[in-house]
ModelCIF file with pLDDT and N, C-alpha, C, O atoms, coordinates in Angstrom:
data_MODEL
#
_entry.id   MODEL 
#
_entity.id                         1 
_entity.type                       polymer 
_entity.pdbx_number_of_molecules   1 
#
_entity_poly.entity_id                      1 
_entity_poly.type                           'polypeptide(L)' 
_entity_poly.nstd_linkage                   no 
_entity_poly.nstd_monomer                   no 
_entity_poly.pdbx_seq_one_letter_code       VACLGQFMVLLDNTIVGAALPDMQRRLHTQLTGLQWIVDAYVLLVAML 
_entity_poly.pdbx_seq_one_letter_code_can   VACLGQFMVLLDNTIVGAALPDMQRRLHTQLTGLQWIVDAYVLLVAML 
_entity_poly.pdbx_strand_id                 A 
#
loop_
_entity_poly_seq.entity_id 
_entity_poly_seq.num 
_entity_poly_seq.mon_id 
_entity_poly_seq.hetero 
1 1  VAL n 
1 2  ALA n 
1 3  CYS n 
1 4  LEU n 
1 5  GLY n 
1 6  GLN n 
1 7  PHE n 
1 8  MET n 
1 9  VAL n 
1 10 LEU n 
1 11 LEU n 
1 12 ASP n 
1 13 ASN n 
1 14 THR n 
1 15 ILE n 
1 16 VAL n 
1 17 GLY n 
1 18 ALA n 
1 19 ALA n 
1 20 LEU n 
1 21 PRO n 
1 22 ASP n 
1 23 MET n 
1 24 GLN n 
1 25 ARG n 
1 26 ARG n 
1 27 LEU n 
1 28 HIS n 
1 29 THR n 
1 30 GLN n 
1 31 LEU n 
1 32 THR n 
1 33 GLY n 
1 34 LEU n 
1 35 GLN n 
1 36 TRP n 
1 37 ILE n 
1 38 VAL n 
1 39 ASP n 
1 40 ALA n 
1 41 TYR n 
1 42 VAL n 
1 43 LEU n 
1 44 LEU n 
1 45 VAL n 
1 46 ALA n 
1 47 MET n 
1 48 LEU n 
#
_struct_asym.id          A 
_struct_asym.entity_id   1 
#
loop_
_ma_qa_metric.id 
_ma_qa_metric.mode 
_ma_qa_metric.name 
_ma_qa_metric.software_group_id 
_ma_qa_metric.type 
1 global pLDDT . pLDDT 
2 local  pLDDT . pLDDT 
#
_ma_qa_metric_global.metric_id      1 
_ma_qa_metric_global.metric_value   91.85 
_ma_qa_metric_global.model_id       1 
_ma_qa_metric_global.ordinal_id     1 
#
loop_
_ma_qa_metric_local.label_asym_id 
_ma_qa_metric_local.label_comp_id 
_ma_qa_metric_local.label_seq_id 
_ma_qa_metric_local.metric_id 
_ma_qa_metric_local.metric_value 
_ma_qa_metric_local.model_id 
_ma_qa_metric_local.ordinal_id 
A VAL 1  2 92.00 1 1  
A ALA 2  2 90.00 1 2  
A CYS 3  2 89.00 1 3  
A LEU 4  2 92.00 1 4  
A GLY 5  2 91.00 1 5  
A GLN 6  2 89.00 1 6  
A PHE 7  2 90.00 1 7  
A MET 8  2 92.00 1 8  
A VAL 9  2 89.00 1 9  
A LEU 10 2 86.00 1 10 
A LEU 11 2 88.00 1 11 
A ASP 12 2 87.00 1 12 
A ASN 13 2 82.00 1 13 
A THR 14 2 84.00 1 14 
A ILE 15 2 91.00 1 15 
A VAL 16 2 93.00 1 16 
A GLY 17 2 91.00 1 17 
A ALA 18 2 92.00 1 18 
A ALA 19 2 94.00 1 19 
A LEU 20 2 95.00 1 20 
A PRO 21 2 94.00 1 21 
A ASP 22 2 94.00 1 22 
A MET 23 2 96.00 1 23 
A GLN 24 2 94.00 1 24 
A ARG 25 2 93.00 1 25 
A ARG 26 2 94.00 1 26 
A LEU 27 2 94.00 1 27 
A HIS 28 2 93.00 1 28 
A THR 29 2 93.00 1 29 
A GLN 30 2 91.00 1 30 
A LEU 31 2 93.00 1 31 
A THR 32 2 93.00 1 32 
A GLY 33 2 94.00 1 33 
A LEU 34 2 95.00 1 34 
A GLN 35 2 95.00 1 35 
A TRP 36 2 95.00 1 36 
A ILE 37 2 96.00 1 37 
A VAL 38 2 95.00 1 38 
A ASP 39 2 94.00 1 39 
A ALA 40 2 94.00 1 40 
A TYR 41 2 95.00 1 41 
A VAL 42 2 93.00 1 42 
A LEU 43 2 93.00 1 43 
A LEU 44 2 92.00 1 44 
A VAL 45 2 91.00 1 45 
A ALA 46 2 89.00 1 46 
A MET 47 2 89.00 1 47 
A LEU 48 2 90.00 1 48 
#
loop_
_atom_site.group_PDB 
_atom_site.id 
_atom_site.type_symbol 
_atom_site.label_atom_id 
_atom_site.label_alt_id 
_atom_site.label_comp_id 
_atom_site.label_asym_id 
_atom_site.label_entity_id 
_atom_site.label_seq_id 
_atom_site.pdbx_PDB_ins_code 
_atom_site.Cartn_x 
_atom_site.Cartn_y 
_atom_site.Cartn_z 
_atom_site.occupancy 
_atom_site.B_iso_or_equiv 
_atom_site.pdbx_formal_charge 
_atom_site.auth_seq_id 
_atom_site.auth_comp_id 
_atom_site.auth_asym_id 
_atom_site.auth_atom_id 
_atom_site.pdbx_PDB_model_num 
ATOM 1   N N  . VAL A 1 1  ? 124.995 117.968 -23.305 1.00 92.00 ? 1  VAL A N  1 
ATOM 2   C CA . VAL A 1 1  ? 125.415 119.088 -22.459 1.00 92.00 ? 1  VAL A CA 1 
ATOM 3   C C  . VAL A 1 1  ? 125.799 118.601 -21.063 1.00 92.00 ? 1  VAL A C  1 
ATOM 4   O O  . VAL A 1 1  ? 126.832 119.002 -20.526 1.00 92.00 ? 1  VAL A O  1 
ATOM 5   N N  . ALA A 1 2  ? 124.970 117.736 -20.476 1.00 90.00 ? 2  ALA A N  1 
ATOM 6   C CA . ALA A 1 2  ? 125.254 117.231 -19.130 1.00 90.00 ? 2  ALA A CA 1 
ATOM 7   C C  . ALA A 1 2  ? 126.554 116.430 -19.105 1.00 90.00 ? 2  ALA A C  1 
ATOM 8   O O  . ALA A 1 2  ? 127.357 116.570 -18.183 1.00 90.00 ? 2  ALA A O  1 
ATOM 9   N N  . CYS A 1 3  ? 126.757 115.589 -20.123 1.00 89.00 ? 3  CYS A N  1 
ATOM 10  C CA . CYS A 1 3  ? 127.966 114.765 -20.171 1.00 89.00 ? 3  CYS A CA 1 
ATOM 11  C C  . CYS A 1 3  ? 129.215 115.625 -20.375 1.00 89.00 ? 3  CYS A C  1 
ATOM 12  O O  . CYS A 1 3  ? 130.251 115.376 -19.760 1.00 89.00 ? 3  CYS A O  1 
ATOM 13  N N  . LEU A 1 4  ? 129.111 116.634 -21.238 1.00 92.00 ? 4  LEU A N  1 
ATOM 14  C CA . LEU A 1 4  ? 130.269 117.493 -21.497 1.00 92.00 ? 4  LEU A CA 1 
ATOM 15  C C  . LEU A 1 4  ? 130.629 118.310 -20.260 1.00 92.00 ? 4  LEU A C  1 
ATOM 16  O O  . LEU A 1 4  ? 131.806 118.536 -19.979 1.00 92.00 ? 4  LEU A O  1 
ATOM 17  N N  . GLY A 1 5  ? 129.602 118.755 -19.516 1.00 91.00 ? 5  GLY A N  1 
ATOM 18  C CA . GLY A 1 5  ? 129.878 119.474 -18.279 1.00 91.00 ? 5  GLY A CA 1 
ATOM 19  C C  . GLY A 1 5  ? 130.591 118.603 -17.267 1.00 91.00 ? 5  GLY A C  1 
ATOM 20  O O  . GLY A 1 5  ? 131.549 119.044 -16.633 1.00 91.00 ? 5  GLY A O  1 
ATOM 21  N N  . GLN A 1 6  ? 130.132 117.364 -17.106 1.00 89.00 ? 6  GLN A N  1 
ATOM 22  C CA . GLN A 1 6  ? 130.782 116.454 -16.175 1.00 89.00 ? 6  GLN A CA 1 
ATOM 23  C C  . GLN A 1 6  ? 132.183 116.085 -16.650 1.00 89.00 ? 6  GLN A C  1 
ATOM 24  O O  . GLN A 1 6  ? 133.095 115.926 -15.838 1.00 89.00 ? 6  GLN A O  1 
ATOM 25  N N  . PHE A 1 7  ? 132.355 115.949 -17.960 1.00 90.00 ? 7  PHE A N  1 
ATOM 26  C CA . PHE A 1 7  ? 133.682 115.672 -18.526 1.00 90.00 ? 7  PHE A CA 1 
ATOM 27  C C  . PHE A 1 7  ? 134.659 116.783 -18.138 1.00 90.00 ? 7  PHE A C  1 
ATOM 28  O O  . PHE A 1 7  ? 135.793 116.504 -17.749 1.00 90.00 ? 7  PHE A O  1 
ATOM 29  N N  . MET A 1 8  ? 134.224 118.038 -18.241 1.00 92.00 ? 8  MET A N  1 
ATOM 30  C CA . MET A 1 8  ? 135.086 119.176 -17.926 1.00 92.00 ? 8  MET A CA 1 
ATOM 31  C C  . MET A 1 8  ? 135.518 119.138 -16.462 1.00 92.00 ? 8  MET A C  1 
ATOM 32  O O  . MET A 1 8  ? 136.679 119.399 -16.147 1.00 92.00 ? 8  MET A O  1 
ATOM 33  N N  . VAL A 1 9  ? 134.579 118.814 -15.568 1.00 89.00 ? 9  VAL A N  1 
ATOM 34  C CA . VAL A 1 9  ? 134.901 118.754 -14.139 1.00 89.00 ? 9  VAL A CA 1 
ATOM 35  C C  . VAL A 1 9  ? 135.888 117.632 -13.850 1.00 89.00 ? 9  VAL A C  1 
ATOM 36  O O  . VAL A 1 9  ? 136.857 117.836 -13.118 1.00 89.00 ? 9  VAL A O  1 
ATOM 37  N N  . LEU A 1 10 ? 135.655 116.451 -14.416 1.00 86.00 ? 10 LEU A N  1 
ATOM 38  C CA . LEU A 1 10 ? 136.539 115.308 -14.138 1.00 86.00 ? 10 LEU A CA 1 
ATOM 39  C C  . LEU A 1 10 ? 137.891 115.468 -14.800 1.00 86.00 ? 10 LEU A C  1 
ATOM 40  O O  . LEU A 1 10 ? 138.902 115.021 -14.259 1.00 86.00 ? 10 LEU A O  1 
ATOM 41  N N  . LEU A 1 11 ? 137.925 116.104 -15.976 1.00 88.00 ? 11 LEU A N  1 
ATOM 42  C CA . LEU A 1 11 ? 139.209 116.383 -16.621 1.00 88.00 ? 11 LEU A CA 1 
ATOM 43  C C  . LEU A 1 11 ? 140.081 117.233 -15.703 1.00 88.00 ? 11 LEU A C  1 
ATOM 44  O O  . LEU A 1 11 ? 141.289 117.020 -15.608 1.00 88.00 ? 11 LEU A O  1 
ATOM 45  N N  . ASP A 1 12 ? 139.461 118.195 -15.031 1.00 87.00 ? 12 ASP A N  1 
ATOM 46  C CA . ASP A 1 12 ? 140.203 119.088 -14.141 1.00 87.00 ? 12 ASP A CA 1 
ATOM 47  C C  . ASP A 1 12 ? 140.810 118.321 -12.969 1.00 87.00 ? 12 ASP A C  1 
ATOM 48  O O  . ASP A 1 12 ? 141.854 118.714 -12.448 1.00 87.00 ? 12 ASP A O  1 
ATOM 49  N N  . ASN A 1 13 ? 140.165 117.228 -12.550 1.00 82.00 ? 13 ASN A N  1 
ATOM 50  C CA . ASN A 1 13 ? 140.669 116.463 -11.404 1.00 82.00 ? 13 ASN A CA 1 
ATOM 51  C C  . ASN A 1 13 ? 142.060 115.895 -11.656 1.00 82.00 ? 13 ASN A C  1 
ATOM 52  O O  . ASN A 1 13 ? 142.901 115.884 -10.757 1.00 82.00 ? 13 ASN A O  1 
ATOM 53  N N  . THR A 1 14 ? 142.308 115.417 -12.892 1.00 84.00 ? 14 THR A N  1 
ATOM 54  C CA . THR A 1 14 ? 143.583 114.748 -13.162 1.00 84.00 ? 14 THR A CA 1 
ATOM 55  C C  . THR A 1 14 ? 144.558 115.611 -13.944 1.00 84.00 ? 14 THR A C  1 
ATOM 56  O O  . THR A 1 14 ? 145.766 115.379 -13.886 1.00 84.00 ? 14 THR A O  1 
ATOM 57  N N  . ILE A 1 15 ? 144.058 116.603 -14.676 1.00 91.00 ? 15 ILE A N  1 
ATOM 58  C CA . ILE A 1 15 ? 144.960 117.426 -15.480 1.00 91.00 ? 15 ILE A CA 1 
ATOM 59  C C  . ILE A 1 15 ? 145.829 118.309 -14.596 1.00 91.00 ? 15 ILE A C  1 
ATOM 60  O O  . ILE A 1 15 ? 146.963 118.624 -14.956 1.00 91.00 ? 15 ILE A O  1 
ATOM 61  N N  . VAL A 1 16 ? 145.305 118.709 -13.440 1.00 93.00 ? 16 VAL A N  1 
ATOM 62  C CA . VAL A 1 16 ? 146.083 119.557 -12.530 1.00 93.00 ? 16 VAL A CA 1 
ATOM 63  C C  . VAL A 1 16 ? 147.266 118.786 -11.960 1.00 93.00 ? 16 VAL A C  1 
ATOM 64  O O  . VAL A 1 16 ? 148.345 119.349 -11.776 1.00 93.00 ? 16 VAL A O  1 
ATOM 65  N N  . GLY A 1 17 ? 147.069 117.501 -11.679 1.00 91.00 ? 17 GLY A N  1 
ATOM 66  C CA . GLY A 1 17 ? 148.168 116.702 -11.152 1.00 91.00 ? 17 GLY A CA 1 
ATOM 67  C C  . GLY A 1 17 ? 149.360 116.676 -12.090 1.00 91.00 ? 17 GLY A C  1 
ATOM 68  O O  . GLY A 1 17 ? 150.507 116.685 -11.645 1.00 91.00 ? 17 GLY A O  1 
ATOM 69  N N  . ALA A 1 18 ? 149.088 116.644 -13.401 1.00 92.00 ? 18 ALA A N  1 
ATOM 70  C CA . ALA A 1 18 ? 150.179 116.640 -14.371 1.00 92.00 ? 18 ALA A CA 1 
ATOM 71  C C  . ALA A 1 18 ? 150.942 117.952 -14.379 1.00 92.00 ? 18 ALA A C  1 
ATOM 72  O O  . ALA A 1 18 ? 152.112 117.990 -14.762 1.00 92.00 ? 18 ALA A O  1 
ATOM 73  N N  . ALA A 1 19 ? 150.286 119.033 -13.958 1.00 94.00 ? 19 ALA A N  1 
ATOM 74  C CA . ALA A 1 19 ? 150.900 120.367 -14.024 1.00 94.00 ? 19 ALA A CA 1 
ATOM 75  C C  . ALA A 1 19 ? 151.680 120.739 -12.779 1.00 94.00 ? 19 ALA A C  1 
ATOM 76  O O  . ALA A 1 19 ? 152.383 121.750 -12.785 1.00 94.00 ? 19 ALA A O  1 
ATOM 77  N N  . LEU A 1 20 ? 151.583 119.958 -11.706 1.00 95.00 ? 20 LEU A N  1 
ATOM 78  C CA . LEU A 1 20 ? 152.192 120.353 -10.437 1.00 95.00 ? 20 LEU A CA 1 
ATOM 79  C C  . LEU A 1 20 ? 153.704 120.608 -10.524 1.00 95.00 ? 20 LEU A C  1 
ATOM 80  O O  . LEU A 1 20 ? 154.174 121.600 -9.968  1.00 95.00 ? 20 LEU A O  1 
ATOM 81  N N  . PRO A 1 21 ? 154.482 119.754 -11.200 1.00 94.00 ? 21 PRO A N  1 
ATOM 82  C CA . PRO A 1 21 ? 155.922 120.057 -11.277 1.00 94.00 ? 21 PRO A CA 1 
ATOM 83  C C  . PRO A 1 21 ? 156.202 121.388 -11.982 1.00 94.00 ? 21 PRO A C  1 
ATOM 84  O O  . PRO A 1 21 ? 157.086 122.131 -11.555 1.00 94.00 ? 21 PRO A O  1 
ATOM 85  N N  . ASP A 1 22 ? 155.458 121.704 -13.061 1.00 94.00 ? 22 ASP A N  1 
ATOM 86  C CA . ASP A 1 22 ? 155.665 122.969 -13.770 1.00 94.00 ? 22 ASP A CA 1 
ATOM 87  C C  . ASP A 1 22 ? 155.232 124.154 -12.908 1.00 94.00 ? 22 ASP A C  1 
ATOM 88  O O  . ASP A 1 22 ? 155.891 125.194 -12.899 1.00 94.00 ? 22 ASP A O  1 
ATOM 89  N N  . MET A 1 23 ? 154.121 123.993 -12.181 1.00 96.00 ? 23 MET A N  1 
ATOM 90  C CA . MET A 1 23 ? 153.682 125.051 -11.270 1.00 96.00 ? 23 MET A CA 1 
ATOM 91  C C  . MET A 1 23 ? 154.738 125.311 -10.194 1.00 96.00 ? 23 MET A C  1 
ATOM 92  O O  . MET A 1 23 ? 155.010 126.461 -9.851  1.00 96.00 ? 23 MET A O  1 
ATOM 93  N N  . GLN A 1 24 ? 155.317 124.261 -9.675  1.00 94.00 ? 24 GLN A N  1 
ATOM 94  C CA . GLN A 1 24 ? 156.307 124.423 -8.610  1.00 94.00 ? 24 GLN A CA 1 
ATOM 95  C C  . GLN A 1 24 ? 157.494 125.244 -9.094  1.00 94.00 ? 24 GLN A C  1 
ATOM 96  O O  . GLN A 1 24 ? 158.008 126.089 -8.361  1.00 94.00 ? 24 GLN A O  1 
ATOM 97  N N  . ARG A 1 25 ? 157.933 124.999 -10.331 1.00 93.00 ? 25 ARG A N  1 
ATOM 98  C CA . ARG A 1 25 ? 159.086 125.725 -10.855 1.00 93.00 ? 25 ARG A CA 1 
ATOM 99  C C  . ARG A 1 25 ? 158.740 127.162 -11.230 1.00 93.00 ? 25 ARG A C  1 
ATOM 100 O O  . ARG A 1 25 ? 159.463 128.093 -10.873 1.00 93.00 ? 25 ARG A O  1 
ATOM 101 N N  . ARG A 1 26 ? 157.634 127.340 -11.951 1.00 94.00 ? 26 ARG A N  1 
ATOM 102 C CA . ARG A 1 26 ? 157.322 128.675 -12.488 1.00 94.00 ? 26 ARG A CA 1 
ATOM 103 C C  . ARG A 1 26 ? 156.745 129.621 -11.434 1.00 94.00 ? 26 ARG A C  1 
ATOM 104 O O  . ARG A 1 26 ? 156.927 130.836 -11.518 1.00 94.00 ? 26 ARG A O  1 
ATOM 105 N N  . LEU A 1 27 ? 156.055 129.064 -10.451 1.00 94.00 ? 27 LEU A N  1 
ATOM 106 C CA . LEU A 1 27 ? 155.483 129.912 -9.401  1.00 94.00 ? 27 LEU A CA 1 
ATOM 107 C C  . LEU A 1 27 ? 156.371 129.976 -8.165  1.00 94.00 ? 27 LEU A C  1 
ATOM 108 O O  . LEU A 1 27 ? 156.045 130.659 -7.194  1.00 94.00 ? 27 LEU A O  1 
ATOM 109 N N  . HIS A 1 28 ? 157.496 129.264 -8.203  1.00 93.00 ? 28 HIS A N  1 
ATOM 110 C CA . HIS A 1 28 ? 158.479 129.282 -7.108  1.00 93.00 ? 28 HIS A CA 1 
ATOM 111 C C  . HIS A 1 28 ? 157.811 128.945 -5.774  1.00 93.00 ? 28 HIS A C  1 
ATOM 112 O O  . HIS A 1 28 ? 157.940 129.676 -4.791  1.00 93.00 ? 28 HIS A O  1 
ATOM 113 N N  . THR A 1 29 ? 157.103 127.830 -5.768  1.00 93.00 ? 29 THR A N  1 
ATOM 114 C CA . THR A 1 29 ? 156.419 127.410 -4.557  1.00 93.00 ? 29 THR A CA 1 
ATOM 115 C C  . THR A 1 29 ? 156.987 126.086 -4.067  1.00 93.00 ? 29 THR A C  1 
ATOM 116 O O  . THR A 1 29 ? 157.703 125.392 -4.789  1.00 93.00 ? 29 THR A O  1 
ATOM 117 N N  . GLN A 1 30 ? 156.655 125.754 -2.836  1.00 91.00 ? 30 GLN A N  1 
ATOM 118 C CA . GLN A 1 30 ? 157.091 124.499 -2.249  1.00 91.00 ? 30 GLN A CA 1 
ATOM 119 C C  . GLN A 1 30 ? 155.919 123.517 -2.216  1.00 91.00 ? 30 GLN A C  1 
ATOM 120 O O  . GLN A 1 30 ? 154.851 123.789 -2.764  1.00 91.00 ? 30 GLN A O  1 
ATOM 121 N N  . LEU A 1 31 ? 156.136 122.375 -1.567  1.00 93.00 ? 31 LEU A N  1 
ATOM 122 C CA . LEU A 1 31 ? 155.116 121.338 -1.509  1.00 93.00 ? 31 LEU A CA 1 
ATOM 123 C C  . LEU A 1 31 ? 153.828 121.856 -0.872  1.00 93.00 ? 31 LEU A C  1 
ATOM 124 O O  . LEU A 1 31 ? 152.734 121.478 -1.292  1.00 93.00 ? 31 LEU A O  1 
ATOM 125 N N  . THR A 1 32 ? 153.951 122.720 0.139   1.00 93.00 ? 32 THR A N  1 
ATOM 126 C CA . THR A 1 32 ? 152.767 123.267 0.806   1.00 93.00 ? 32 THR A CA 1 
ATOM 127 C C  . THR A 1 32 ? 151.875 124.008 -0.185  1.00 93.00 ? 32 THR A C  1 
ATOM 128 O O  . THR A 1 32 ? 150.655 123.847 -0.160  1.00 93.00 ? 32 THR A O  1 
ATOM 129 N N  . GLY A 1 33 ? 152.470 124.815 -1.052  1.00 94.00 ? 33 GLY A N  1 
ATOM 130 C CA . GLY A 1 33 ? 151.694 125.546 -2.048  1.00 94.00 ? 33 GLY A CA 1 
ATOM 131 C C  . GLY A 1 33 ? 150.985 124.616 -3.010  1.00 94.00 ? 33 GLY A C  1 
ATOM 132 O O  . GLY A 1 33 ? 149.831 124.853 -3.367  1.00 94.00 ? 33 GLY A O  1 
ATOM 133 N N  . LEU A 1 34 ? 151.665 123.553 -3.435  1.00 95.00 ? 34 LEU A N  1 
ATOM 134 C CA . LEU A 1 34 ? 151.035 122.582 -4.340  1.00 95.00 ? 34 LEU A CA 1 
ATOM 135 C C  . LEU A 1 34 ? 149.854 121.894 -3.658  1.00 95.00 ? 34 LEU A C  1 
ATOM 136 O O  . LEU A 1 34 ? 148.827 121.647 -4.290  1.00 95.00 ? 34 LEU A O  1 
ATOM 137 N N  . GLN A 1 35 ? 150.000 121.589 -2.375  1.00 95.00 ? 35 GLN A N  1 
ATOM 138 C CA . GLN A 1 35 ? 148.892 120.963 -1.652  1.00 95.00 ? 35 GLN A CA 1 
ATOM 139 C C  . GLN A 1 35 ? 147.666 121.869 -1.627  1.00 95.00 ? 35 GLN A C  1 
ATOM 140 O O  . GLN A 1 35 ? 146.542 121.402 -1.808  1.00 95.00 ? 35 GLN A O  1 
ATOM 141 N N  . TRP A 1 36 ? 147.881 123.157 -1.406  1.00 95.00 ? 36 TRP A N  1 
ATOM 142 C CA . TRP A 1 36 ? 146.749 124.084 -1.366  1.00 95.00 ? 36 TRP A CA 1 
ATOM 143 C C  . TRP A 1 36 ? 146.109 124.236 -2.742  1.00 95.00 ? 36 TRP A C  1 
ATOM 144 O O  . TRP A 1 36 ? 144.892 124.389 -2.842  1.00 95.00 ? 36 TRP A O  1 
ATOM 145 N N  . ILE A 1 37 ? 146.909 124.194 -3.798  1.00 96.00 ? 37 ILE A N  1 
ATOM 146 C CA . ILE A 1 37 ? 146.359 124.297 -5.156  1.00 96.00 ? 37 ILE A CA 1 
ATOM 147 C C  . ILE A 1 37 ? 145.366 123.176 -5.408  1.00 96.00 ? 37 ILE A C  1 
ATOM 148 O O  . ILE A 1 37 ? 144.333 123.391 -6.043  1.00 96.00 ? 37 ILE A O  1 
ATOM 149 N N  . VAL A 1 38 ? 145.670 121.981 -4.915  1.00 95.00 ? 38 VAL A N  1 
ATOM 150 C CA . VAL A 1 38 ? 144.769 120.833 -5.089  1.00 95.00 ? 38 VAL A CA 1 
ATOM 151 C C  . VAL A 1 38 ? 143.640 120.864 -4.067  1.00 95.00 ? 38 VAL A C  1 
ATOM 152 O O  . VAL A 1 38 ? 142.473 120.723 -4.432  1.00 95.00 ? 38 VAL A O  1 
ATOM 153 N N  . ASP A 1 39 ? 143.971 121.046 -2.797  1.00 94.00 ? 39 ASP A N  1 
ATOM 154 C CA . ASP A 1 39 ? 142.970 120.898 -1.736  1.00 94.00 ? 39 ASP A CA 1 
ATOM 155 C C  . ASP A 1 39 ? 141.982 122.064 -1.677  1.00 94.00 ? 39 ASP A C  1 
ATOM 156 O O  . ASP A 1 39 ? 140.850 121.876 -1.229  1.00 94.00 ? 39 ASP A O  1 
ATOM 157 N N  . ALA A 1 40 ? 142.374 123.253 -2.113  1.00 94.00 ? 40 ALA A N  1 
ATOM 158 C CA . ALA A 1 40 ? 141.428 124.368 -2.119  1.00 94.00 ? 40 ALA A CA 1 
ATOM 159 C C  . ALA A 1 40 ? 140.225 124.039 -2.992  1.00 94.00 ? 40 ALA A C  1 
ATOM 160 O O  . ALA A 1 40 ? 139.095 124.398 -2.661  1.00 94.00 ? 40 ALA A O  1 
ATOM 161 N N  . TYR A 1 41 ? 140.468 123.362 -4.097  1.00 95.00 ? 41 TYR A N  1 
ATOM 162 C CA . TYR A 1 41 ? 139.401 122.950 -5.013  1.00 95.00 ? 41 TYR A CA 1 
ATOM 163 C C  . TYR A 1 41 ? 138.603 121.781 -4.434  1.00 95.00 ? 41 TYR A C  1 
ATOM 164 O O  . TYR A 1 41 ? 137.375 121.829 -4.364  1.00 95.00 ? 41 TYR A O  1 
ATOM 165 N N  . VAL A 1 42 ? 139.314 120.738 -4.022  1.00 93.00 ? 42 VAL A N  1 
ATOM 166 C CA . VAL A 1 42 ? 138.642 119.521 -3.557  1.00 93.00 ? 42 VAL A CA 1 
ATOM 167 C C  . VAL A 1 42 ? 137.822 119.792 -2.302  1.00 93.00 ? 42 VAL A C  1 
ATOM 168 O O  . VAL A 1 42 ? 136.743 119.223 -2.134  1.00 93.00 ? 42 VAL A O  1 
ATOM 169 N N  . LEU A 1 43 ? 138.323 120.656 -1.417  1.00 93.00 ? 43 LEU A N  1 
ATOM 170 C CA . LEU A 1 43 ? 137.613 120.975 -0.181  1.00 93.00 ? 43 LEU A CA 1 
ATOM 171 C C  . LEU A 1 43 ? 136.248 121.587 -0.473  1.00 93.00 ? 43 LEU A C  1 
ATOM 172 O O  . LEU A 1 43 ? 135.246 121.184 0.118   1.00 93.00 ? 43 LEU A O  1 
ATOM 173 N N  . LEU A 1 44 ? 136.204 122.558 -1.382  1.00 92.00 ? 44 LEU A N  1 
ATOM 174 C CA . LEU A 1 44 ? 134.929 123.209 -1.700  1.00 92.00 ? 44 LEU A CA 1 
ATOM 175 C C  . LEU A 1 44 ? 133.971 122.238 -2.381  1.00 92.00 ? 44 LEU A C  1 
ATOM 176 O O  . LEU A 1 44 ? 132.771 122.259 -2.105  1.00 92.00 ? 44 LEU A O  1 
ATOM 177 N N  . VAL A 1 45 ? 134.487 121.388 -3.271  1.00 91.00 ? 45 VAL A N  1 
ATOM 178 C CA . VAL A 1 45 ? 133.629 120.390 -3.907  1.00 91.00 ? 45 VAL A CA 1 
ATOM 179 C C  . VAL A 1 45 ? 133.056 119.443 -2.866  1.00 91.00 ? 45 VAL A C  1 
ATOM 180 O O  . VAL A 1 45 ? 131.861 119.147 -2.878  1.00 91.00 ? 45 VAL A O  1 
ATOM 181 N N  . ALA A 1 46 ? 133.913 118.968 -1.961  1.00 89.00 ? 46 ALA A N  1 
ATOM 182 C CA . ALA A 1 46 ? 133.473 118.010 -0.942  1.00 89.00 ? 46 ALA A CA 1 
ATOM 183 C C  . ALA A 1 46 ? 132.378 118.578 -0.062  1.00 89.00 ? 46 ALA A C  1 
ATOM 184 O O  . ALA A 1 46 ? 131.383 117.906 0.209   1.00 89.00 ? 46 ALA A O  1 
ATOM 185 N N  . MET A 1 47 ? 132.555 119.806 0.385   1.00 89.00 ? 47 MET A N  1 
ATOM 186 C CA . MET A 1 47 ? 131.644 120.376 1.365   1.00 89.00 ? 47 MET A CA 1 
ATOM 187 C C  . MET A 1 47 ? 130.366 120.954 0.753   1.00 89.00 ? 47 MET A C  1 
ATOM 188 O O  . MET A 1 47 ? 129.368 121.116 1.456   1.00 89.00 ? 47 MET A O  1 
ATOM 189 N N  . LEU A 1 48 ? 130.382 121.266 -0.542  1.00 90.00 ? 48 LEU A N  1 
ATOM 190 C CA . LEU A 1 48 ? 129.217 121.891 -1.164  1.00 90.00 ? 48 LEU A CA 1 
ATOM 191 C C  . LEU A 1 48 ? 128.468 120.958 -2.112  1.00 90.00 ? 48 LEU A C  1 
ATOM 192 O O  . LEU A 1 48 ? 127.465 121.355 -2.705  1.00 90.00 ? 48 LEU A O  1 
#
């Protein structure tokens, strides 16, 4: 259970990077929006 939970968290770290080009096209966002999609998550993890 502990390993699978950590696997899920770490999978999310790199799987989102692969999706950024598709997010940019389908959500009609610019580079700033993509940065927030990544940093909103990482910021909360870092600080908490």
